[in-house]
Protein backbone atom coordinates (compact mmCIF):
# COMPACT_ATOMS: atom_id res chain seq x y z
CA UNK A 1 -35.73 0.82 31.74
CA UNK A 2 -34.32 -0.31 28.48
CA UNK A 3 -30.76 -0.39 28.49
CA UNK A 4 -30.31 1.74 25.26
CA UNK A 5 -32.35 4.51 26.95
CA UNK A 6 -30.17 4.50 30.02
CA UNK A 7 -27.07 5.37 27.82
CA UNK A 8 -26.39 9.05 27.28
CA UNK A 9 -27.69 10.23 23.85
CA UNK A 10 -24.04 10.85 22.63
CA UNK A 11 -23.22 7.31 23.24
CA UNK A 12 -26.55 5.99 21.74
CA UNK A 13 -25.86 7.92 18.52
CA UNK A 14 -22.08 6.93 18.24
CA UNK A 15 -22.98 3.06 18.75
CA UNK A 16 -25.76 3.53 16.05
CA UNK A 17 -23.55 5.15 13.82
CA UNK A 18 -20.79 2.30 14.10
CA UNK A 19 -23.69 -0.14 13.49
CA UNK A 20 -25.19 1.51 10.44
CA UNK A 21 -21.94 2.77 8.84
CA UNK A 22 -20.42 -0.70 9.17
CA UNK A 23 -23.71 -2.58 8.07
CA UNK A 24 -25.08 -0.26 5.49
CA UNK A 25 -22.29 2.12 4.46
CA UNK A 26 -21.52 5.60 5.60
CA UNK A 27 -22.84 7.39 2.46
CA UNK A 28 -26.00 5.34 2.44
CA UNK A 29 -26.85 6.11 6.04
CA UNK A 30 -28.79 9.50 6.04
CA UNK A 31 -28.65 11.71 9.03
CA UNK A 32 -32.38 11.49 9.59
CA UNK A 33 -32.35 7.65 9.63
CA UNK A 34 -29.57 7.63 12.07
CA UNK A 35 -31.05 10.17 14.46
CA UNK A 36 -34.32 8.34 14.56
CA UNK A 37 -32.74 4.64 15.04
CA UNK A 38 -30.36 6.33 17.79
CA UNK A 39 -33.50 8.04 19.32
CA UNK A 40 -31.89 11.36 19.51
CA UNK A 41 -32.42 14.98 18.27
CA UNK A 42 -30.37 16.62 15.63
CA UNK A 43 -28.92 18.81 18.27
CA UNK A 44 -27.20 16.03 19.73
CA UNK A 45 -25.14 15.41 16.42
CA UNK A 46 -24.05 18.92 16.02
CA UNK A 47 -23.41 19.42 19.88
CA UNK A 48 -21.21 16.63 20.20
CA UNK A 49 -19.85 16.10 16.73
CA UNK A 50 -20.50 19.12 14.68
CA UNK A 51 -20.87 17.23 11.46
CA UNK A 52 -21.80 13.67 9.99
CA UNK A 53 -18.01 13.57 8.92
CA UNK A 54 -16.90 14.23 12.44
CA UNK A 55 -19.22 11.51 13.66
CA UNK A 56 -17.97 9.13 11.03
CA UNK A 57 -14.38 9.80 12.24
CA UNK A 58 -15.47 9.01 15.91
CA UNK A 59 -17.32 5.91 14.90
CA UNK A 60 -14.13 4.68 12.95
CA UNK A 61 -12.11 5.35 15.99
CA UNK A 62 -14.66 3.40 18.08
CA UNK A 63 -14.56 0.72 15.50
CA UNK A 64 -10.73 0.52 15.60
CA UNK A 65 -10.41 0.35 19.31
CA UNK A 66 -13.36 -2.29 19.72
CA UNK A 67 -12.09 -4.48 17.03
CA UNK A 68 -8.28 -4.25 18.16
CA UNK A 69 -9.35 -4.89 21.81
CA UNK A 70 -11.56 -7.95 20.90
CA UNK A 71 -8.64 -9.24 18.40
CA UNK A 72 -5.98 -8.80 21.12
CA UNK A 73 -8.17 -10.39 23.94
CA UNK A 74 -9.01 -13.38 21.62
CA UNK A 75 -5.42 -13.84 20.81
CA UNK A 76 -4.21 -13.50 24.56
CA UNK A 77 -6.60 -15.68 25.91
CA UNK A 78 -5.66 -18.55 23.55
CA UNK A 79 -1.97 -18.48 23.18
CA UNK A 80 0.72 -17.55 25.40
CA UNK A 81 3.36 -17.21 22.54
CA UNK A 82 3.83 -14.70 19.88
CA UNK A 83 3.54 -17.64 17.36
CA UNK A 84 0.40 -18.98 18.74
CA UNK A 85 -1.09 -15.36 18.82
CA UNK A 86 -0.26 -15.03 15.18
CA UNK A 87 -2.20 -18.40 14.63
CA UNK A 88 -4.93 -17.72 17.06
CA UNK A 89 -5.73 -14.73 14.87
CA UNK A 90 -7.07 -17.01 12.06
CA UNK A 91 -9.25 -18.74 14.88
CA UNK A 92 -10.48 -14.89 15.56
CA UNK A 93 -11.07 -14.35 11.98
CA UNK A 94 -13.09 -17.73 11.57
CA UNK A 95 -15.27 -16.80 14.31
CA UNK A 96 -15.69 -13.29 13.15
CA UNK A 97 -16.65 -14.11 9.53
CA UNK A 98 -18.82 -16.94 10.59
CA UNK A 99 -20.89 -14.42 12.93
CA UNK A 100 -24.32 -13.07 11.34
CA UNK A 101 -22.92 -9.54 11.91
CA UNK A 102 -20.08 -9.95 9.64
CA UNK A 103 -20.07 -7.30 6.71
CA UNK A 104 -16.43 -7.43 5.77
CA UNK A 105 -13.79 -5.30 7.02
CA UNK A 106 -15.06 -2.09 8.08
CA UNK A 107 -11.65 -0.07 7.32
CA UNK A 108 -11.70 -1.39 3.94
CA UNK A 109 -15.31 -0.34 3.38
CA UNK A 110 -14.49 3.22 4.90
CA UNK A 111 -11.35 3.61 2.52
CA UNK A 112 -13.44 2.44 -0.40
CA UNK A 113 -16.21 4.76 0.20
CA UNK A 114 -13.84 7.51 0.68
CA UNK A 115 -11.36 7.00 -1.78
CA UNK A 116 -9.30 10.20 -1.84
CA UNK A 117 -6.23 9.27 0.18
CA UNK A 118 -6.46 12.92 1.75
CA UNK A 119 -10.02 12.43 3.10
CA UNK A 120 -9.80 12.17 7.00
CA UNK A 121 -12.03 8.92 6.99
CA UNK A 122 -9.62 7.30 4.44
CA UNK A 123 -6.62 8.44 6.48
CA UNK A 124 -8.29 7.06 9.63
CA UNK A 125 -8.76 3.51 7.83
CA UNK A 126 -5.23 3.67 6.54
CA UNK A 127 -3.89 4.26 10.04
CA UNK A 128 -5.67 1.46 11.58
CA UNK A 129 -4.09 -0.66 8.95
CA UNK A 130 -0.63 0.51 9.89
CA UNK A 131 -1.21 0.27 13.42
CA UNK A 132 -2.33 -3.25 12.75
CA UNK A 133 0.87 -3.96 10.49
CA UNK A 134 3.02 -2.59 13.36
CA UNK A 135 1.42 -4.97 15.96
CA UNK A 136 1.82 -8.07 13.78
CA UNK A 137 5.28 -7.12 12.92
CA UNK A 138 6.05 -6.93 16.77
CA UNK A 139 4.46 -10.47 17.21
CA UNK A 140 6.56 -11.73 14.05
CA UNK A 141 9.84 -10.43 15.84
CA UNK A 142 8.81 -11.83 19.24
CA UNK A 143 8.15 -15.14 17.34
CA UNK A 144 11.74 -15.28 16.07
CA UNK A 145 11.02 -15.21 12.27
CA UNK A 146 14.19 -14.57 10.35
CA UNK A 147 12.70 -11.48 8.33
CA UNK A 148 10.08 -9.85 10.26
CA UNK A 149 9.32 -7.23 7.40
CA UNK A 150 9.03 -10.00 4.63
CA UNK A 151 7.07 -12.04 6.95
CA UNK A 152 4.61 -9.38 8.15
CA UNK A 153 4.34 -8.24 4.47
CA UNK A 154 3.06 -11.77 3.50
CA UNK A 155 1.01 -12.22 6.74
CA UNK A 156 -0.92 -9.11 6.28
CA UNK A 157 -1.81 -10.09 2.43
CA UNK A 158 -3.00 -13.63 3.86
CA UNK A 159 -5.08 -11.94 6.73
CA UNK A 160 -6.57 -9.25 4.39
CA UNK A 161 -7.21 -11.82 1.71
CA UNK A 162 -8.86 -14.38 4.04
CA UNK A 163 -11.33 -11.47 5.48
CA UNK A 164 -12.13 -10.13 1.95
CA UNK A 165 -12.70 -13.49 0.35
CA UNK A 166 -14.79 -14.98 3.15
CA UNK A 167 -17.02 -11.86 2.88
CA UNK A 168 -17.45 -12.12 -0.97
CA UNK A 169 -17.85 -15.96 -0.98
CA UNK A 170 -19.91 -16.24 2.27
CA UNK A 171 -17.50 -19.06 3.01
CA UNK A 172 -14.89 -19.30 5.84
CA UNK A 173 -12.73 -21.75 3.60
CA UNK A 174 -10.31 -18.74 2.81
CA UNK A 175 -9.50 -18.51 6.46
CA UNK A 176 -8.45 -22.25 6.91
CA UNK A 177 -6.23 -21.89 3.70
CA UNK A 178 -4.50 -18.72 4.98
CA UNK A 179 -3.96 -20.14 8.40
CA UNK A 180 -2.29 -23.21 6.74
CA UNK A 181 -0.20 -20.86 4.60
CA UNK A 182 0.86 -18.97 7.41
CA UNK A 183 1.92 -21.98 9.53
CA UNK A 184 4.13 -23.11 6.78
CA UNK A 185 5.52 -19.46 6.37
CA UNK A 186 6.29 -19.44 10.11
CA UNK A 187 8.10 -22.92 9.87
CA UNK A 188 10.24 -21.73 6.77
CA UNK A 189 11.31 -18.42 8.48
CA UNK A 190 12.05 -19.71 11.86
């Protein structure tokens, strides 16, 4: 039996929502299309999520967990020190932006589509960015940078800029530029 059909309808719907919301956008992805591509009935949506908005929030949570786990695994497998992990992040980004299923940062997309800062989807995207910042700050502190707050502020701008510019330009050169700048920044601040 095909692997997708062996999964529970809820899981198929959530996985398809992650894929379509990321690739095509939340607002551009209609419920009928989503249900058809997931191969589930409308009742699956309402029984498991209650609404498209709740499905969106579950998809954002799944994206957060998956993206963070992939990033962490990549960094942990390639470096044993905090400095090495900070640098390995750019190898992860380079790999990600070079993949055929790269459509930019899903959390920036969500925050842009739901621009009201009080909207639950916007809050979920902002929450992910805060979690990411805290993790980078922890690594910066462990790496021994003299001012972890200042370093992390700059580091995050370089990370976000590399991802955004790579998406817009279709070129991964911004990743190499950001990597070089972070290396210099670490040298200056340790």
